Amino acid sequence: MPRLPVLVDGDCDSRFNAVKQAFRENFERGWESEGAAFAVYLNDEKVIDLWGGYADASSMRRWKWDTMTLLFSSTK
């Protein structure tokens, strides 16, 4: 499969630009093969809400803010 353009969208508080860059690098370096989303709340405020890549790379269907996925808790 040919390398697809890197697509990253969303909002990120400027204090966390390094996180946004790391998220983008996951796609640029091929560590994320399709798509992903990432959000962080700090003191009840959403400070990072990013998504990128493809919901289905074979059809080039972009990952969007409302793309559904299977979720596992990472806060235990």
PDB file of N, CA and C in Angstrom:
ATOM      1  N   MET A   1       0.850  -1.181   0.000  1.00  0.00           N
ATOM      2  CA  MET A   1       0.000   0.000   0.000  1.00  0.00           C
ATOM      3  C   MET A   1       0.895   1.243   0.000  1.00  0.00           C
ATOM      4  N   PRO A   2       0.613   2.197  -0.868  1.00  0.00           N
ATOM      5  CA  PRO A   2       1.429   3.420  -0.908  1.00  0.00           C
ATOM      6  C   PRO A   2       1.251   4.240   0.368  1.00  0.00           C
ATOM      7  N   ARG A   3       2.246   5.036   0.654  1.00  0.00           N
ATOM      8  CA  ARG A   3       2.195   5.896   1.840  1.00  0.00           C
ATOM      9  C   ARG A   3       1.168   7.005   1.619  1.00  0.00           C
ATOM     10  N   LEU A   4       0.240   7.136   2.539  1.00  0.00           N
ATOM     11  CA  LEU A   4      -0.823   8.136   2.435  1.00  0.00           C
ATOM     12  C   LEU A   4      -0.391   9.438   3.101  1.00  0.00           C
ATOM     13  N   PRO A   5      -0.986  10.559   2.690  1.00  0.00           N
ATOM     14  CA  PRO A   5      -0.660  11.837   3.330  1.00  0.00           C
ATOM     15  C   PRO A   5      -0.989  11.808   4.825  1.00  0.00           C
ATOM     16  N   VAL A   6      -0.185  12.487   5.614  1.00  0.00           N
ATOM     17  CA  VAL A   6      -0.422  12.582   7.051  1.00  0.00           C
ATOM     18  C   VAL A   6      -1.513  13.615   7.288  1.00  0.00           C
ATOM     19  N   LEU A   7      -2.565  13.195   7.970  1.00  0.00           N
ATOM     20  CA  LEU A   7      -3.694  14.071   8.275  1.00  0.00           C
ATOM     21  C   LEU A   7      -3.879  14.123   9.784  1.00  0.00           C
ATOM     22  N   VAL A   8      -3.752  15.305  10.369  1.00  0.00           N
ATOM     23  CA  VAL A   8      -3.991  15.501  11.796  1.00  0.00           C
ATOM     24  C   VAL A   8      -4.843  16.748  11.943  1.00  0.00           C
ATOM     25  N   ASP A   9      -5.875  16.649  12.772  1.00  0.00           N
ATOM     26  CA  ASP A   9      -6.785  17.775  12.970  1.00  0.00           C
ATOM     27  C   ASP A   9      -7.149  17.832  14.446  1.00  0.00           C
ATOM     28  N   GLY A  10      -7.845  18.888  14.828  1.00  0.00           N
ATOM     29  CA  GLY A  10      -8.312  19.025  16.200  1.00  0.00           C
ATOM     30  C   GLY A  10      -7.765  20.267  16.862  1.00  0.00           C
ATOM     31  N   ASP A  11      -7.907  20.294  18.179  1.00  0.00           N
ATOM     32  CA  ASP A  11      -7.496  21.447  18.975  1.00  0.00           C
ATOM     33  C   ASP A  11      -6.466  21.029  20.008  1.00  0.00           C
ATOM     34  N   CYS A  12      -5.554  21.956  20.281  1.00  0.00           N
ATOM     35  CA  CYS A  12      -4.521  21.688  21.280  1.00  0.00           C
ATOM     36  C   CYS A  12      -4.089  23.011  21.898  1.00  0.00           C
ATOM     37  N   ASP A  13      -4.229  23.111  23.209  1.00  0.00           N
ATOM     38  CA  ASP A  13      -3.744  24.280  23.930  1.00  0.00           C
ATOM     39  C   ASP A  13      -2.252  24.441  23.638  1.00  0.00           C
ATOM     40  N   SER A  14      -1.814  25.662  23.422  1.00  0.00           N
ATOM     41  CA  SER A  14      -0.420  25.905  23.031  1.00  0.00           C
ATOM     42  C   SER A  14       0.587  25.388  24.059  1.00  0.00           C
ATOM     43  N   ARG A  15       0.160  25.209  25.311  1.00  0.00           N
ATOM     44  CA  ARG A  15       1.063  24.653  26.330  1.00  0.00           C
ATOM     45  C   ARG A  15       1.455  23.214  26.013  1.00  0.00           C
ATOM     46  N   PHE A  16       0.673  22.570  25.137  1.00  0.00           N
ATOM     47  CA  PHE A  16       0.880  21.154  24.858  1.00  0.00           C
ATOM     48  C   PHE A  16       1.235  20.896  23.396  1.00  0.00           C
ATOM     49  N   ASN A  17       1.862  21.875  22.758  1.00  0.00           N
ATOM     50  CA  ASN A  17       2.255  21.700  21.355  1.00  0.00           C
ATOM     51  C   ASN A  17       3.196  20.514  21.153  1.00  0.00           C
ATOM     52  N   ALA A  18       4.015  20.196  22.146  1.00  0.00           N
ATOM     53  CA  ALA A  18       4.915  19.038  22.024  1.00  0.00           C
ATOM     54  C   ALA A  18       4.114  17.741  21.925  1.00  0.00           C
ATOM     55  N   VAL A  19       2.982  17.675  22.599  1.00  0.00           N
ATOM     56  CA  VAL A  19       2.115  16.496  22.514  1.00  0.00           C
ATOM     57  C   VAL A  19       1.516  16.398  21.116  1.00  0.00           C
ATOM     58  N   LYS A  20       1.077  17.529  20.582  1.00  0.00           N
ATOM     59  CA  LYS A  20       0.525  17.535  19.223  1.00  0.00           C
ATOM     60  C   LYS A  20       1.575  17.068  18.219  1.00  0.00           C
ATOM     61  N   GLN A  21       2.802  17.526  18.375  1.00  0.00           N
ATOM     62  CA  GLN A  21       3.873  17.119  17.474  1.00  0.00           C
ATOM     63  C   GLN A  21       4.155  15.628  17.610  1.00  0.00           C
ATOM     64  N   ALA A  22       4.158  15.109  18.818  1.00  0.00           N
ATOM     65  CA  ALA A  22       4.383  13.672  19.032  1.00  0.00           C
ATOM     66  C   ALA A  22       3.260  12.853  18.399  1.00  0.00           C
ATOM     67  N   PHE A  23       2.030  13.336  18.506  1.00  0.00           N
ATOM     68  CA  PHE A  23       0.888  12.658  17.882  1.00  0.00           C
ATOM     69  C   PHE A  23       1.082  12.603  16.366  1.00  0.00           C
ATOM     70  N   ARG A  24       1.472  13.730  15.781  1.00  0.00           N
ATOM     71  CA  ARG A  24       1.722  13.790  14.336  1.00  0.00           C
ATOM     72  C   ARG A  24       2.849  12.833  13.934  1.00  0.00           C
ATOM     73  N   GLU A  25       3.900  12.794  14.734  1.00  0.00           N
ATOM     74  CA  GLU A  25       5.040  11.930  14.418  1.00  0.00           C
ATOM     75  C   GLU A  25       4.657  10.456  14.375  1.00  0.00           C
ATOM     76  N   ASN A  26       3.662  10.060  15.169  1.00  0.00           N
ATOM     77  CA  ASN A  26       3.193   8.672  15.104  1.00  0.00           C
ATOM     78  C   ASN A  26       2.786   8.297  13.690  1.00  0.00           C
ATOM     79  N   PHE A  27       2.199   9.221  12.968  1.00  0.00           N
ATOM     80  CA  PHE A  27       1.773   8.974  11.586  1.00  0.00           C
ATOM     81  C   PHE A  27       2.939   9.149  10.615  1.00  0.00           C
ATOM     82  N   GLU A  28       3.722  10.201  10.817  1.00  0.00           N
ATOM     83  CA  GLU A  28       4.841  10.471   9.911  1.00  0.00           C
ATOM     84  C   GLU A  28       5.854   9.329   9.888  1.00  0.00           C
ATOM     85  N   ARG A  29       6.095   8.715  11.027  1.00  0.00           N
ATOM     86  CA  ARG A  29       7.082   7.635  11.126  1.00  0.00           C
ATOM     87  C   ARG A  29       6.485   6.254  10.858  1.00  0.00           C
ATOM     88  N   GLY A  30       5.171   6.211  10.618  1.00  0.00           N
ATOM     89  CA  GLY A  30       4.533   4.933  10.335  1.00  0.00           C
ATOM     90  C   GLY A  30       4.232   4.096  11.569  1.00  0.00           C
ATOM     91  N   TRP A  31       4.330   4.681  12.759  1.00  0.00           N
ATOM     92  CA  TRP A  31       4.037   3.944  13.988  1.00  0.00           C
ATOM     93  C   TRP A  31       2.541   3.723  14.148  1.00  0.00           C
ATOM     94  N   GLU A  32       1.740   4.610  13.597  1.00  0.00           N
ATOM     95  CA  GLU A  32       0.282   4.445  13.586  1.00  0.00           C
ATOM     96  C   GLU A  32      -0.092   4.090  12.165  1.00  0.00           C
ATOM     97  N   SER A  33      -0.626   2.901  11.964  1.00  0.00           N
ATOM     98  CA  SER A  33      -0.856   2.415  10.601  1.00  0.00           C
ATOM     99  C   SER A  33      -2.163   2.905   9.983  1.00  0.00           C
ATOM    100  N   GLU A  34      -3.132   3.295  10.795  1.00  0.00           N
ATOM    101  CA  GLU A  34      -4.412   3.754  10.236  1.00  0.00           C
ATOM    102  C   GLU A  34      -4.789   5.096  10.844  1.00  0.00           C
ATOM    103  N   GLY A  35      -5.565   5.081  11.921  1.00  0.00           N
ATOM    104  CA  GLY A  35      -6.023   6.321  12.514  1.00  0.00           C
ATOM    105  C   GLY A  35      -6.052   6.247  14.027  1.00  0.00           C
ATOM    106  N   ALA A  36      -6.187   7.411  14.644  1.00  0.00           N
ATOM    107  CA  ALA A  36      -6.200   7.476  16.105  1.00  0.00           C
ATOM    108  C   ALA A  36      -6.824   8.789  16.549  1.00  0.00           C
ATOM    109  N   ALA A  37      -7.260   8.794  17.805  1.00  0.00           N
ATOM    110  CA  ALA A  37      -7.766  10.007  18.439  1.00  0.00           C
ATOM    111  C   ALA A  37      -7.203  10.054  19.853  1.00  0.00           C
ATOM    112  N   PHE A  38      -7.051  11.272  20.367  1.00  0.00           N
ATOM    113  CA  PHE A  38      -6.433  11.457  21.677  1.00  0.00           C
ATOM    114  C   PHE A  38      -7.003  12.721  22.300  1.00  0.00           C
ATOM    115  N   ALA A  39      -7.483  12.613  23.541  1.00  0.00           N
ATOM    116  CA  ALA A  39      -8.020  13.782  24.245  1.00  0.00           C
ATOM    117  C   ALA A  39      -7.502  13.794  25.676  1.00  0.00           C
ATOM    118  N   VAL A  40      -7.281  15.007  26.187  1.00  0.00           N
ATOM    119  CA  VAL A  40      -6.820  15.181  27.562  1.00  0.00           C
ATOM    120  C   VAL A  40      -7.635  16.292  28.205  1.00  0.00           C
ATOM    121  N   TYR A  41      -8.112  16.021  29.412  1.00  0.00           N
ATOM    122  CA  TYR A  41      -8.775  17.032  30.225  1.00  0.00           C
ATOM    123  C   TYR A  41      -7.875  17.342  31.414  1.00  0.00           C
ATOM    124  N   LEU A  42      -7.725  18.614  31.714  1.00  0.00           N
ATOM    125  CA  LEU A  42      -6.930  19.066  32.846  1.00  0.00           C
ATOM    126  C   LEU A  42      -7.806  19.983  33.684  1.00  0.00           C
ATOM    127  N   ASN A  43      -8.067  19.603  34.914  1.00  0.00           N
ATOM    128  CA  ASN A  43      -8.939  20.394  35.795  1.00  0.00           C
ATOM    129  C   ASN A  43     -10.273  20.699  35.127  1.00  0.00           C
ATOM    130  N   ASP A  44     -10.899  19.675  34.570  1.00  0.00           N
ATOM    131  CA  ASP A  44     -12.212  19.763  33.912  1.00  0.00           C
ATOM    132  C   ASP A  44     -12.223  20.597  32.636  1.00  0.00           C
ATOM    133  N   GLU A  45     -11.067  20.919  32.107  1.00  0.00           N
ATOM    134  CA  GLU A  45     -10.975  21.666  30.849  1.00  0.00           C
ATOM    135  C   GLU A  45     -10.310  20.785  29.795  1.00  0.00           C
ATOM    136  N   LYS A  46     -10.943  20.691  28.621  1.00  0.00           N
ATOM    137  CA  LYS A  46     -10.336  19.926  27.535  1.00  0.00           C
ATOM    138  C   LYS A  46      -9.190  20.747  26.965  1.00  0.00           C
ATOM    139  N   VAL A  47      -7.964  20.227  27.082  1.00  0.00           N
ATOM    140  CA  VAL A  47      -6.787  20.954  26.625  1.00  0.00           C
ATOM    141  C   VAL A  47      -6.198  20.348  25.355  1.00  0.00           C
ATOM    142  N   ILE A  48      -6.526  19.088  25.077  1.00  0.00           N
ATOM    143  CA  ILE A  48      -6.074  18.425  23.854  1.00  0.00           C
ATOM    144  C   ILE A  48      -7.225  17.599  23.307  1.00  0.00           C
ATOM    145  N   ASP A  49      -7.497  17.758  22.031  1.00  0.00           N
ATOM    146  CA  ASP A  49      -8.499  16.944  21.335  1.00  0.00           C
ATOM    147  C   ASP A  49      -8.020  16.788  19.894  1.00  0.00           C
ATOM    148  N   LEU A  50      -7.285  15.717  19.641  1.00  0.00           N
ATOM    149  CA  LEU A  50      -6.658  15.499  18.335  1.00  0.00           C
ATOM    150  C   LEU A  50      -7.163  14.211  17.705  1.00  0.00           C
ATOM    151  N   TRP A  51      -7.189  14.188  16.389  1.00  0.00           N
ATOM    152  CA  TRP A  51      -7.492  12.974  15.644  1.00  0.00           C
ATOM    153  C   TRP A  51      -6.729  13.041  14.340  1.00  0.00           C
ATOM    154  N   GLY A  52      -6.452  11.879  13.791  1.00  0.00           N
ATOM    155  CA  GLY A  52      -5.695  11.873  12.550  1.00  0.00           C
ATOM    156  C   GLY A  52      -5.687  10.520  11.883  1.00  0.00           C
ATOM    157  N   GLY A  53      -5.186  10.521  10.675  1.00  0.00           N
ATOM    158  CA  GLY A  53      -5.084   9.289   9.908  1.00  0.00           C
ATOM    159  C   GLY A  53      -6.377   8.943   9.203  1.00  0.00           C
ATOM    160  N   TYR A  54      -6.620   7.648   9.093  1.00  0.00           N
ATOM    161  CA  TYR A  54      -7.730   7.147   8.291  1.00  0.00           C
ATOM    162  C   TYR A  54      -8.552   6.140   9.084  1.00  0.00           C
ATOM    163  N   ALA A  55      -9.869   6.290   9.035  1.00  0.00           N
ATOM    164  CA  ALA A  55     -10.756   5.293   9.622  1.00  0.00           C
ATOM    165  C   ALA A  55     -10.679   4.008   8.813  1.00  0.00           C
ATOM    166  N   ASP A  56     -10.439   4.152   7.512  1.00  0.00           N
ATOM    167  CA  ASP A  56     -10.239   3.012   6.613  1.00  0.00           C
ATOM    168  C   ASP A  56      -9.253   3.447   5.539  1.00  0.00           C
ATOM    169  N   ALA A  57      -8.004   3.058   5.700  1.00  0.00           N
ATOM    170  CA  ALA A  57      -6.958   3.506   4.780  1.00  0.00           C
ATOM    171  C   ALA A  57      -7.170   2.971   3.374  1.00  0.00           C
ATOM    172  N   SER A  58      -7.743   1.767   3.243  1.00  0.00           N
ATOM    173  CA  SER A  58      -7.910   1.186   1.908  1.00  0.00           C
ATOM    174  C   SER A  58      -8.873   2.003   1.050  1.00  0.00           C
ATOM    175  N   SER A  59      -9.832   2.676   1.682  1.00  0.00           N
ATOM    176  CA  SER A  59     -10.758   3.522   0.927  1.00  0.00           C
ATOM    177  C   SER A  59     -10.433   5.008   1.095  1.00  0.00           C
ATOM    178  N   MET A  60      -9.346   5.297   1.824  1.00  0.00           N
ATOM    179  CA  MET A  60      -8.913   6.671   2.113  1.00  0.00           C
ATOM    180  C   MET A  60      -9.978   7.476   2.852  1.00  0.00           C
ATOM    181  N   ARG A  61     -10.799   6.779   3.660  1.00  0.00           N
ATOM    182  CA  ARG A  61     -11.812   7.460   4.476  1.00  0.00           C
ATOM    183  C   ARG A  61     -11.114   8.028   5.710  1.00  0.00           C
ATOM    184  N   ARG A  62     -11.109   9.347   5.811  1.00  0.00           N
ATOM    185  CA  ARG A  62     -10.391  10.050   6.875  1.00  0.00           C
ATOM    186  C   ARG A  62     -11.002   9.790   8.248  1.00  0.00           C
ATOM    187  N   TRP A  63     -10.122   9.782   9.247  1.00  0.00           N
ATOM    188  CA  TRP A  63     -10.567   9.759  10.639  1.00  0.00           C
ATOM    189  C   TRP A  63     -11.108  11.145  10.940  1.00  0.00           C
ATOM    190  N   LYS A  64     -12.308  11.213  11.528  1.00  0.00           N
ATOM    191  CA  LYS A  64     -12.927  12.500  11.849  1.00  0.00           C
ATOM    192  C   LYS A  64     -13.157  12.606  13.348  1.00  0.00           C
ATOM    193  N   TRP A  65     -13.602  13.751  13.786  1.00  0.00           N
ATOM    194  CA  TRP A  65     -13.811  14.002  15.208  1.00  0.00           C
ATOM    195  C   TRP A  65     -14.808  13.028  15.813  1.00  0.00           C
ATOM    196  N   ASP A  66     -15.719  12.499  15.005  1.00  0.00           N
ATOM    197  CA  ASP A  66     -16.756  11.616  15.542  1.00  0.00           C
ATOM    198  C   ASP A  66     -16.606  10.157  15.096  1.00  0.00           C
ATOM    199  N   THR A  67     -15.432   9.773  14.615  1.00  0.00           N
ATOM    200  CA  THR A  67     -15.207   8.387  14.214  1.00  0.00           C
ATOM    201  C   THR A  67     -15.344   7.476  15.433  1.00  0.00           C
ATOM    202  N   MET A  68     -16.141   6.427  15.277  1.00  0.00           N
ATOM    203  CA  MET A  68     -16.378   5.469  16.364  1.00  0.00           C
ATOM    204  C   MET A  68     -15.265   4.425  16.377  1.00  0.00           C
ATOM    205  N   THR A  69     -14.913   3.982  17.572  1.00  0.00           N
ATOM    206  CA  THR A  69     -13.882   2.962  17.721  1.00  0.00           C
ATOM    207  C   THR A  69     -14.119   2.176  18.999  1.00  0.00           C
ATOM    208  N   LEU A  70     -13.455   1.063  19.119  1.00  0.00           N
ATOM    209  CA  LEU A  70     -13.479   0.274  20.342  1.00  0.00           C
ATOM    210  C   LEU A  70     -12.614   0.976  21.376  1.00  0.00           C
ATOM    211  N   LEU A  71     -13.077   1.045  22.606  1.00  0.00           N
ATOM    212  CA  LEU A  71     -12.378   1.804  23.639  1.00  0.00           C
ATOM    213  C   LEU A  71     -12.047   0.915  24.821  1.00  0.00           C
ATOM    214  N   PHE A  72     -10.830   1.023  25.310  1.00  0.00           N
ATOM    215  CA  PHE A  72     -10.401   0.351  26.527  1.00  0.00           C
ATOM    216  C   PHE A  72     -10.010   1.413  27.542  1.00  0.00           C
ATOM    217  N   SER A  73     -10.338   1.199  28.802  1.00  0.00           N
ATOM    218  CA  SER A  73      -9.987   2.150  29.851  1.00  0.00           C
ATOM    219  C   SER A  73      -8.488   2.125  30.110  1.00  0.00           C
ATOM    220  N   SER A  74      -7.903   3.290  30.192  1.00  0.00           N
ATOM    221  CA  SER A  74      -6.474   3.379  30.506  1.00  0.00           C
ATOM    222  C   SER A  74      -6.244   4.133  31.815  1.00  0.00           C
ATOM    223  N   THR A  75      -7.285   4.222  32.642  1.00  0.00           N
ATOM    224  CA  THR A  75      -7.171   4.999  33.878  1.00  0.00           C
ATOM    225  C   THR A  75      -7.207   4.129  35.128  1.00  0.00           C
ATOM    226  N   LYS A  76      -7.113   2.829  34.972  1.00  0.00           N
ATOM    227  CA  LYS A  76      -7.203   1.938  36.142  1.00  0.00           C
ATOM    228  C   LYS A  76      -5.900   1.880  36.892  1.00  0.00           C
TER     229      LYS A  76
END
